[in-house]
């Protein structure tokens, strides 16, 4: 059961990077206030999801929490590097 946490963490990391990419694509220089609000809401939502997943993992134990954190970190950076290399 403990090995599900890296998968959950990786899915959360990928979702985090995907939502960040979508939020950045929606930035508009003509409407800086709206862009700021959109980025702020997006950031808060992403943080809440990550905090909820990590809190649930750490509630199951330190090993589960660290595995979820590792899955999150690796998947997020892999997604960011993938999108940077893809263009």
PDB file of N, CA and C in Angstrom:
ATOM      1  N   UNK A   1       0.818  -1.202   0.000  1.00  0.00           N
ATOM      2  CA  UNK A   1       0.000   0.000   0.000  1.00  0.00           C
ATOM      3  C   UNK A   1       0.859   1.263   0.000  1.00  0.00           C
ATOM      4  N   UNK A   2       2.044   1.159   0.558  1.00  0.00           N
ATOM      5  CA  UNK A   2       2.885   2.349   0.653  1.00  0.00           C
ATOM      6  C   UNK A   2       3.405   2.801  -0.719  1.00  0.00           C
ATOM      7  N   UNK A   3       3.468   1.866  -1.672  1.00  0.00           N
ATOM      8  CA  UNK A   3       4.016   2.209  -2.983  1.00  0.00           C
ATOM      9  C   UNK A   3       3.020   2.972  -3.854  1.00  0.00           C
ATOM     10  N   UNK A   4       1.823   3.185  -3.357  1.00  0.00           N
ATOM     11  CA  UNK A   4       0.878   4.009  -4.104  1.00  0.00           C
ATOM     12  C   UNK A   4       1.223   5.494  -3.967  1.00  0.00           C
ATOM     13  N   UNK A   5       1.909   5.863  -2.890  1.00  0.00           N
ATOM     14  CA  UNK A   5       2.204   7.273  -2.639  1.00  0.00           C
ATOM     15  C   UNK A   5       3.128   7.904  -3.667  1.00  0.00           C
ATOM     16  N   UNK A   6       4.151   7.226  -4.184  1.00  0.00           N
ATOM     17  CA  UNK A   6       4.942   7.865  -5.247  1.00  0.00           C
ATOM     18  C   UNK A   6       4.114   8.108  -6.510  1.00  0.00           C
ATOM     19  N   UNK A   7       3.176   7.212  -6.773  1.00  0.00           N
ATOM     20  CA  UNK A   7       2.319   7.383  -7.951  1.00  0.00           C
ATOM     21  C   UNK A   7       1.378   8.564  -7.740  1.00  0.00           C
ATOM     22  N   UNK A   8       0.778   8.651  -6.566  1.00  0.00           N
ATOM     23  CA  UNK A   8      -0.104   9.781  -6.252  1.00  0.00           C
ATOM     24  C   UNK A   8       0.695  11.090  -6.282  1.00  0.00           C
ATOM     25  N   UNK A   9       1.899  11.064  -5.710  1.00  0.00           N
ATOM     26  CA  UNK A   9       2.747  12.248  -5.740  1.00  0.00           C
ATOM     27  C   UNK A   9       3.128  12.630  -7.160  1.00  0.00           C
ATOM     28  N   UNK A  10       3.434  11.636  -7.997  1.00  0.00           N
ATOM     29  CA  UNK A  10       3.804  11.923  -9.383  1.00  0.00           C
ATOM     30  C   UNK A  10       2.629  12.498 -10.162  1.00  0.00           C
ATOM     31  N   UNK A  11       1.437  11.951  -9.948  1.00  0.00           N
ATOM     32  CA  UNK A  11       0.254  12.505 -10.618  1.00  0.00           C
ATOM     33  C   UNK A  11      -0.016  13.940 -10.164  1.00  0.00           C
ATOM     34  N   UNK A  12       0.188  14.201  -8.900  1.00  0.00           N
ATOM     35  CA  UNK A  12       0.007  15.555  -8.377  1.00  0.00           C
ATOM     36  C   UNK A  12       1.050  16.502  -8.969  1.00  0.00           C
ATOM     37  N   UNK A  13       2.281  16.049  -9.084  1.00  0.00           N
ATOM     38  CA  UNK A  13       3.333  16.868  -9.670  1.00  0.00           C
ATOM     39  C   UNK A  13       3.065  17.180 -11.125  1.00  0.00           C
ATOM     40  N   UNK A  14       2.598  16.180 -11.871  1.00  0.00           N
ATOM     41  CA  UNK A  14       2.293  16.398 -13.283  1.00  0.00           C
ATOM     42  C   UNK A  14       1.122  17.370 -13.429  1.00  0.00           C
ATOM     43  N   UNK A  15       0.091  17.184 -12.606  1.00  0.00           N
ATOM     44  CA  UNK A  15      -1.060  18.087 -12.633  1.00  0.00           C
ATOM     45  C   UNK A  15      -0.639  19.509 -12.268  1.00  0.00           C
ATOM     46  N   UNK A  16       0.237  19.643 -11.298  1.00  0.00           N
ATOM     47  CA  UNK A  16       0.735  20.948 -10.884  1.00  0.00           C
ATOM     48  C   UNK A  16       1.437  21.650 -12.043  1.00  0.00           C
ATOM     49  N   UNK A  17       2.317  20.939 -12.722  1.00  0.00           N
ATOM     50  CA  UNK A  17       3.044  21.526 -13.849  1.00  0.00           C
ATOM     51  C   UNK A  17       2.104  21.849 -15.003  1.00  0.00           C
ATOM     52  N   UNK A  18       1.125  20.986 -15.258  1.00  0.00           N
ATOM     53  CA  UNK A  18       0.163  21.232 -16.328  1.00  0.00           C
ATOM     54  C   UNK A  18      -0.665  22.486 -16.052  1.00  0.00           C
ATOM     55  N   UNK A  19      -1.168  22.612 -14.827  1.00  0.00           N
ATOM     56  CA  UNK A  19      -1.969  23.787 -14.481  1.00  0.00           C
ATOM     57  C   UNK A  19      -1.138  25.066 -14.498  1.00  0.00           C
ATOM     58  N   UNK A  20       0.119  24.980 -14.118  1.00  0.00           N
ATOM     59  CA  UNK A  20       1.006  26.133 -14.199  1.00  0.00           C
ATOM     60  C   UNK A  20       1.217  26.544 -15.650  1.00  0.00           C
ATOM     61  N   UNK A  21       1.412  25.572 -16.513  1.00  0.00           N
ATOM     62  CA  UNK A  21       1.590  25.855 -17.939  1.00  0.00           C
ATOM     63  C   UNK A  21       0.349  26.527 -18.529  1.00  0.00           C
ATOM     64  N   UNK A  22      -0.816  26.031 -18.164  1.00  0.00           N
ATOM     65  CA  UNK A  22      -2.068  26.623 -18.662  1.00  0.00           C
ATOM     66  C   UNK A  22      -2.225  28.053 -18.148  1.00  0.00           C
ATOM     67  N   UNK A  23      -1.906  28.270 -16.892  1.00  0.00           N
ATOM     68  CA  UNK A  23      -2.036  29.617 -16.320  1.00  0.00           C
ATOM     69  C   UNK A  23      -1.081  30.598 -16.983  1.00  0.00           C
ATOM     70  N   UNK A  24       0.121  30.170 -17.275  1.00  0.00           N
ATOM     71  CA  UNK A  24       1.100  31.057 -17.922  1.00  0.00           C
ATOM     72  C   UNK A  24       0.670  31.376 -19.345  1.00  0.00           C
ATOM     73  N   UNK A  25       0.113  30.398 -20.054  1.00  0.00           N
ATOM     74  CA  UNK A  25      -0.350  30.639 -21.420  1.00  0.00           C
ATOM     75  C   UNK A  25      -1.499  31.636 -21.459  1.00  0.00           C
ATOM     76  N   UNK A  26      -2.240  31.761 -20.378  1.00  0.00           N
ATOM     77  CA  UNK A  26      -3.400  32.656 -20.350  1.00  0.00           C
ATOM     78  C   UNK A  26      -3.059  34.068 -19.874  1.00  0.00           C
ATOM     79  N   UNK A  27      -1.790  34.349 -19.629  1.00  0.00           N
ATOM     80  CA  UNK A  27      -1.396  35.700 -19.222  1.00  0.00           C
ATOM     81  C   UNK A  27      -1.662  36.687 -20.350  1.00  0.00           C
ATOM     82  N   UNK A  28      -2.083  37.879 -19.984  1.00  0.00           N
ATOM     83  CA  UNK A  28      -2.406  38.902 -20.968  1.00  0.00           C
ATOM     84  C   UNK A  28      -1.799  40.221 -20.518  1.00  0.00           C
ATOM     85  N   UNK A  29      -0.890  40.764 -21.332  1.00  0.00           N
ATOM     86  CA  UNK A  29      -0.222  42.020 -20.989  1.00  0.00           C
ATOM     87  C   UNK A  29      -1.196  43.199 -20.994  1.00  0.00           C
ATOM     88  N   UNK A  30      -2.286  43.083 -21.726  1.00  0.00           N
ATOM     89  CA  UNK A  30      -3.261  44.170 -21.799  1.00  0.00           C
ATOM     90  C   UNK A  30      -4.112  44.261 -20.530  1.00  0.00           C
ATOM     91  N   UNK A  31      -4.188  43.181 -19.774  1.00  0.00           N
ATOM     92  CA  UNK A  31      -4.994  43.154 -18.553  1.00  0.00           C
ATOM     93  C   UNK A  31      -4.153  42.611 -17.397  1.00  0.00           C
ATOM     94  N   UNK A  32      -3.239  43.430 -16.867  1.00  0.00           N
ATOM     95  CA  UNK A  32      -2.352  42.916 -15.823  1.00  0.00           C
ATOM     96  C   UNK A  32      -3.072  42.548 -14.524  1.00  0.00           C
ATOM     97  N   UNK A  33      -4.136  43.269 -14.169  1.00  0.00           N
ATOM     98  CA  UNK A  33      -4.850  42.955 -12.929  1.00  0.00           C
ATOM     99  C   UNK A  33      -5.530  41.594 -13.024  1.00  0.00           C
ATOM    100  N   UNK A  34      -6.174  41.334 -14.160  1.00  0.00           N
ATOM    101  CA  UNK A  34      -6.848  40.051 -14.356  1.00  0.00           C
ATOM    102  C   UNK A  34      -5.831  38.912 -14.398  1.00  0.00           C
ATOM    103  N   UNK A  35      -4.700  39.164 -15.031  1.00  0.00           N
ATOM    104  CA  UNK A  35      -3.653  38.147 -15.099  1.00  0.00           C
ATOM    105  C   UNK A  35      -3.092  37.849 -13.712  1.00  0.00           C
ATOM    106  N   UNK A  36      -2.920  38.890 -12.919  1.00  0.00           N
ATOM    107  CA  UNK A  36      -2.415  38.703 -11.558  1.00  0.00           C
ATOM    108  C   UNK A  36      -3.393  37.887 -10.721  1.00  0.00           C
ATOM    109  N   UNK A  37      -4.671  38.192 -10.828  1.00  0.00           N
ATOM    110  CA  UNK A  37      -5.680  37.450 -10.077  1.00  0.00           C
ATOM    111  C   UNK A  37      -5.741  35.993 -10.536  1.00  0.00           C
ATOM    112  N   UNK A  38      -5.674  35.769 -11.834  1.00  0.00           N
ATOM    113  CA  UNK A  38      -5.715  34.421 -12.372  1.00  0.00           C
ATOM    114  C   UNK A  38      -4.519  33.607 -11.874  1.00  0.00           C
ATOM    115  N   UNK A  39      -3.336  34.207 -11.882  1.00  0.00           N
ATOM    116  CA  UNK A  39      -2.143  33.512 -11.411  1.00  0.00           C
ATOM    117  C   UNK A  39      -2.219  33.261  -9.904  1.00  0.00           C
ATOM    118  N   UNK A  40      -2.748  34.224  -9.159  1.00  0.00           N
ATOM    119  CA  UNK A  40      -2.866  34.063  -7.705  1.00  0.00           C
ATOM    120  C   UNK A  40      -3.824  32.939  -7.344  1.00  0.00           C
ATOM    121  N   UNK A  41      -4.970  32.901  -8.000  1.00  0.00           N
ATOM    122  CA  UNK A  41      -5.955  31.848  -7.739  1.00  0.00           C
ATOM    123  C   UNK A  41      -5.387  30.493  -8.159  1.00  0.00           C
ATOM    124  N   UNK A  42      -4.719  30.461  -9.296  1.00  0.00           N
ATOM    125  CA  UNK A  42      -4.115  29.221  -9.764  1.00  0.00           C
ATOM    126  C   UNK A  42      -3.057  28.721  -8.781  1.00  0.00           C
ATOM    127  N   UNK A  43      -2.227  29.631  -8.298  1.00  0.00           N
ATOM    128  CA  UNK A  43      -1.174  29.261  -7.352  1.00  0.00           C
ATOM    129  C   UNK A  43      -1.785  28.730  -6.054  1.00  0.00           C
ATOM    130  N   UNK A  44      -2.792  29.410  -5.544  1.00  0.00           N
ATOM    131  CA  UNK A  44      -3.426  28.971  -4.297  1.00  0.00           C
ATOM    132  C   UNK A  44      -4.065  27.592  -4.468  1.00  0.00           C
ATOM    133  N   UNK A  45      -4.722  27.378  -5.585  1.00  0.00           N
ATOM    134  CA  UNK A  45      -5.339  26.075  -5.840  1.00  0.00           C
ATOM    135  C   UNK A  45      -4.318  24.963  -5.947  1.00  0.00           C
ATOM    136  N   UNK A  46      -3.231  25.229  -6.657  1.00  0.00           N
ATOM    137  CA  UNK A  46      -2.177  24.220  -6.792  1.00  0.00           C
ATOM    138  C   UNK A  46      -1.544  23.915  -5.441  1.00  0.00           C
ATOM    139  N   UNK A  47      -1.305  24.929  -4.632  1.00  0.00           N
ATOM    140  CA  UNK A  47      -0.722  24.723  -3.299  1.00  0.00           C
ATOM    141  C   UNK A  47      -1.647  23.914  -2.405  1.00  0.00           C
ATOM    142  N   UNK A  48      -2.943  24.186  -2.478  1.00  0.00           N
ATOM    143  CA  UNK A  48      -3.898  23.440  -1.656  1.00  0.00           C
ATOM    144  C   UNK A  48      -3.924  21.964  -2.030  1.00  0.00           C
ATOM    145  N   UNK A  49      -3.900  21.668  -3.315  1.00  0.00           N
ATOM    146  CA  UNK A  49      -3.909  20.272  -3.750  1.00  0.00           C
ATOM    147  C   UNK A  49      -2.646  19.555  -3.282  1.00  0.00           C
ATOM    148  N   UNK A  50      -1.499  20.204  -3.465  1.00  0.00           N
ATOM    149  CA  UNK A  50      -0.229  19.599  -3.047  1.00  0.00           C
ATOM    150  C   UNK A  50      -0.201  19.420  -1.530  1.00  0.00           C
ATOM    151  N   UNK A  51      -0.644  20.423  -0.806  1.00  0.00           N
ATOM    152  CA  UNK A  51      -0.647  20.319   0.657  1.00  0.00           C
ATOM    153  C   UNK A  51      -1.565  19.201   1.125  1.00  0.00           C
ATOM    154  N   UNK A  52      -2.720  19.044   0.490  1.00  0.00           N
ATOM    155  CA  UNK A  52      -3.652  17.986   0.882  1.00  0.00           C
ATOM    156  C   UNK A  52      -3.052  16.603   0.620  1.00  0.00           C
ATOM    157  N   UNK A  53      -2.412  16.429  -0.538  1.00  0.00           N
ATOM    158  CA  UNK A  53      -1.809  15.133  -0.862  1.00  0.00           C
ATOM    159  C   UNK A  53      -0.666  14.821   0.104  1.00  0.00           C
ATOM    160  N   UNK A  54       0.188  15.804   0.341  1.00  0.00           N
ATOM    161  CA  UNK A  54       1.319  15.563   1.234  1.00  0.00           C
ATOM    162  C   UNK A  54       0.870  15.354   2.679  1.00  0.00           C
ATOM    163  N   UNK A  55      -0.151  16.075   3.103  1.00  0.00           N
ATOM    164  CA  UNK A  55      -0.668  15.871   4.466  1.00  0.00           C
ATOM    165  C   UNK A  55      -1.240  14.468   4.618  1.00  0.00           C
ATOM    166  N   UNK A  56      -1.965  14.008   3.614  1.00  0.00           N
ATOM    167  CA  UNK A  56      -2.517  12.653   3.675  1.00  0.00           C
ATOM    168  C   UNK A  56      -1.399  11.613   3.681  1.00  0.00           C
ATOM    169  N   UNK A  57      -0.362  11.855   2.889  1.00  0.00           N
ATOM    170  CA  UNK A  57       0.750  10.907   2.835  1.00  0.00           C
ATOM    171  C   UNK A  57       1.510  10.880   4.160  1.00  0.00           C
ATOM    172  N   UNK A  58       1.814  12.048   4.698  1.00  0.00           N
ATOM    173  CA  UNK A  58       2.553  12.089   5.959  1.00  0.00           C
ATOM    174  C   UNK A  58       1.721  11.565   7.125  1.00  0.00           C
ATOM    175  N   UNK A  59       0.404  11.621   7.002  1.00  0.00           N
ATOM    176  CA  UNK A  59      -0.447  11.046   8.039  1.00  0.00           C
ATOM    177  C   UNK A  59      -0.289   9.522   8.083  1.00  0.00           C
ATOM    178  N   UNK A  60       0.057   8.937   6.942  1.00  0.00           N
ATOM    179  CA  UNK A  60       0.280   7.484   6.870  1.00  0.00           C
ATOM    180  C   UNK A  60       1.681   7.095   7.325  1.00  0.00           C
ATOM    181  N   UNK A  61       2.532   8.072   7.530  1.00  0.00           N
ATOM    182  CA  UNK A  61       3.883   7.778   8.001  1.00  0.00           C
ATOM    183  C   UNK A  61       4.920   8.600   7.264  1.00  0.00           C
ATOM    184  N   UNK A  62       6.108   8.663   7.846  1.00  0.00           N
ATOM    185  CA  UNK A  62       7.174   9.465   7.269  1.00  0.00           C
ATOM    186  C   UNK A  62       7.636   8.889   5.932  1.00  0.00           C
ATOM    187  N   UNK A  63       7.694   7.566   5.834  1.00  0.00           N
ATOM    188  CA  UNK A  63       8.131   6.941   4.590  1.00  0.00           C
ATOM    189  C   UNK A  63       7.147   7.230   3.461  1.00  0.00           C
ATOM    190  N   UNK A  64       5.861   7.117   3.745  1.00  0.00           N
ATOM    191  CA  UNK A  64       4.840   7.413   2.738  1.00  0.00           C
ATOM    192  C   UNK A  64       4.912   8.874   2.314  1.00  0.00           C
ATOM    193  N   UNK A  65       5.110   9.767   3.266  1.00  0.00           N
ATOM    194  CA  UNK A  65       5.202  11.184   2.950  1.00  0.00           C
ATOM    195  C   UNK A  65       6.407  11.505   2.091  1.00  0.00           C
ATOM    196  N   UNK A  66       7.540  10.916   2.429  1.00  0.00           N
ATOM    197  CA  UNK A  66       8.741  11.171   1.634  1.00  0.00           C
ATOM    198  C   UNK A  66       8.642  10.559   0.244  1.00  0.00           C
ATOM    199  N   UNK A  67       7.990   9.417   0.129  1.00  0.00           N
ATOM    200  CA  UNK A  67       7.778   8.822  -1.189  1.00  0.00           C
ATOM    201  C   UNK A  67       6.853   9.690  -2.045  1.00  0.00           C
ATOM    202  N   UNK A  68       5.798  10.224  -1.446  1.00  0.00           N
ATOM    203  CA  UNK A  68       4.889  11.112  -2.173  1.00  0.00           C
ATOM    204  C   UNK A  68       5.606  12.387  -2.588  1.00  0.00           C
ATOM    205  N   UNK A  69       6.408  12.936  -1.698  1.00  0.00           N
ATOM    206  CA  UNK A  69       7.162  14.143  -2.019  1.00  0.00           C
ATOM    207  C   UNK A  69       8.155  13.890  -3.140  1.00  0.00           C
ATOM    208  N   UNK A  70       8.823  12.757  -3.110  1.00  0.00           N
ATOM    209  CA  UNK A  70       9.764  12.412  -4.168  1.00  0.00           C
ATOM    210  C   UNK A  70       9.044  12.234  -5.500  1.00  0.00           C
ATOM    211  N   UNK A  71       7.926  11.529  -5.494  1.00  0.00           N
ATOM    212  CA  UNK A  71       7.141  11.365  -6.722  1.00  0.00           C
ATOM    213  C   UNK A  71       6.685  12.699  -7.276  1.00  0.00           C
ATOM    214  N   UNK A  72       6.222  13.576  -6.394  1.00  0.00           N
ATOM    215  CA  UNK A  72       5.787  14.914  -6.809  1.00  0.00           C
ATOM    216  C   UNK A  72       6.932  15.691  -7.443  1.00  0.00           C
ATOM    217  N   UNK A  73       8.050  15.712  -6.781  1.00  0.00           N
ATOM    218  CA  UNK A  73       9.196  16.506  -7.225  1.00  0.00           C
ATOM    219  C   UNK A  73       9.727  15.997  -8.562  1.00  0.00           C
ATOM    220  N   UNK A  74       9.902  14.704  -8.687  1.00  0.00           N
ATOM    221  CA  UNK A  74      10.438  14.127  -9.919  1.00  0.00           C
ATOM    222  C   UNK A  74       9.478  14.349 -11.090  1.00  0.00           C
ATOM    223  N   UNK A  75       8.207  14.092 -10.886  1.00  0.00           N
ATOM    224  CA  UNK A  75       7.239  14.250 -11.978  1.00  0.00           C
ATOM    225  C   UNK A  75       7.088  15.708 -12.388  1.00  0.00           C
ATOM    226  N   UNK A  76       7.113  16.606 -11.431  1.00  0.00           N
ATOM    227  CA  UNK A  76       6.962  18.024 -11.765  1.00  0.00           C
ATOM    228  C   UNK A  76       8.142  18.501 -12.611  1.00  0.00           C
ATOM    229  N   UNK A  77       9.352  18.140 -12.192  1.00  0.00           N
ATOM    230  CA  UNK A  77      10.517  18.567 -12.960  1.00  0.00           C
ATOM    231  C   UNK A  77      10.596  17.865 -14.303  1.00  0.00           C
ATOM    232  N   UNK A  78      10.186  16.622 -14.369  1.00  0.00           N
ATOM    233  CA  UNK A  78      10.172  15.914 -15.651  1.00  0.00           C
ATOM    234  C   UNK A  78       9.187  16.580 -16.612  1.00  0.00           C
ATOM    235  N   UNK A  79       8.020  16.969 -16.106  1.00  0.00           N
ATOM    236  CA  UNK A  79       7.031  17.642 -16.948  1.00  0.00           C
ATOM    237  C   UNK A  79       7.541  19.001 -17.412  1.00  0.00           C
ATOM    238  N   UNK A  80       8.154  19.743 -16.523  1.00  0.00           N
ATOM    239  CA  UNK A  80       8.686  21.058 -16.901  1.00  0.00           C
ATOM    240  C   UNK A  80       9.775  20.909 -17.955  1.00  0.00           C
ATOM    241  N   UNK A  81      10.692  19.984 -17.751  1.00  0.00           N
ATOM    242  CA  UNK A  81      11.753  19.765 -18.733  1.00  0.00           C
ATOM    243  C   UNK A  81      11.191  19.272 -20.058  1.00  0.00           C
ATOM    244  N   UNK A  82      10.185  18.430 -20.017  1.00  0.00           N
ATOM    245  CA  UNK A  82       9.545  17.925 -21.236  1.00  0.00           C
ATOM    246  C   UNK A  82       8.956  19.080 -22.040  1.00  0.00           C
ATOM    247  N   UNK A  83       8.198  19.959 -21.371  1.00  0.00           N
ATOM    248  CA  UNK A  83       7.578  21.064 -22.086  1.00  0.00           C
ATOM    249  C   UNK A  83       8.613  22.080 -22.568  1.00  0.00           C
ATOM    250  N   UNK A  84       9.706  22.242 -21.851  1.00  0.00           N
ATOM    251  CA  UNK A  84      10.760  23.162 -22.289  1.00  0.00           C
ATOM    252  C   UNK A  84      11.473  22.617 -23.517  1.00  0.00           C
ATOM    253  N   UNK A  85      11.749  21.331 -23.538  1.00  0.00           N
ATOM    254  CA  UNK A  85      12.443  20.727 -24.678  1.00  0.00           C
ATOM    255  C   UNK A  85      11.522  20.624 -25.899  1.00  0.00           C
ATOM    256  N   UNK A  86      10.236  20.419 -25.644  1.00  0.00           N
ATOM    257  CA  UNK A  86       9.262  20.297 -26.729  1.00  0.00           C
ATOM    258  C   UNK A  86       9.024  21.641 -27.406  1.00  0.00           C
ATOM    259  N   UNK A  87       9.179  22.708 -26.639  1.00  0.00           N
ATOM    260  CA  UNK A  87       9.006  24.042 -27.208  1.00  0.00           C
ATOM    261  C   UNK A  87       7.699  24.581 -26.869  1.00  0.00           C
TER     262      UNK A  87
END
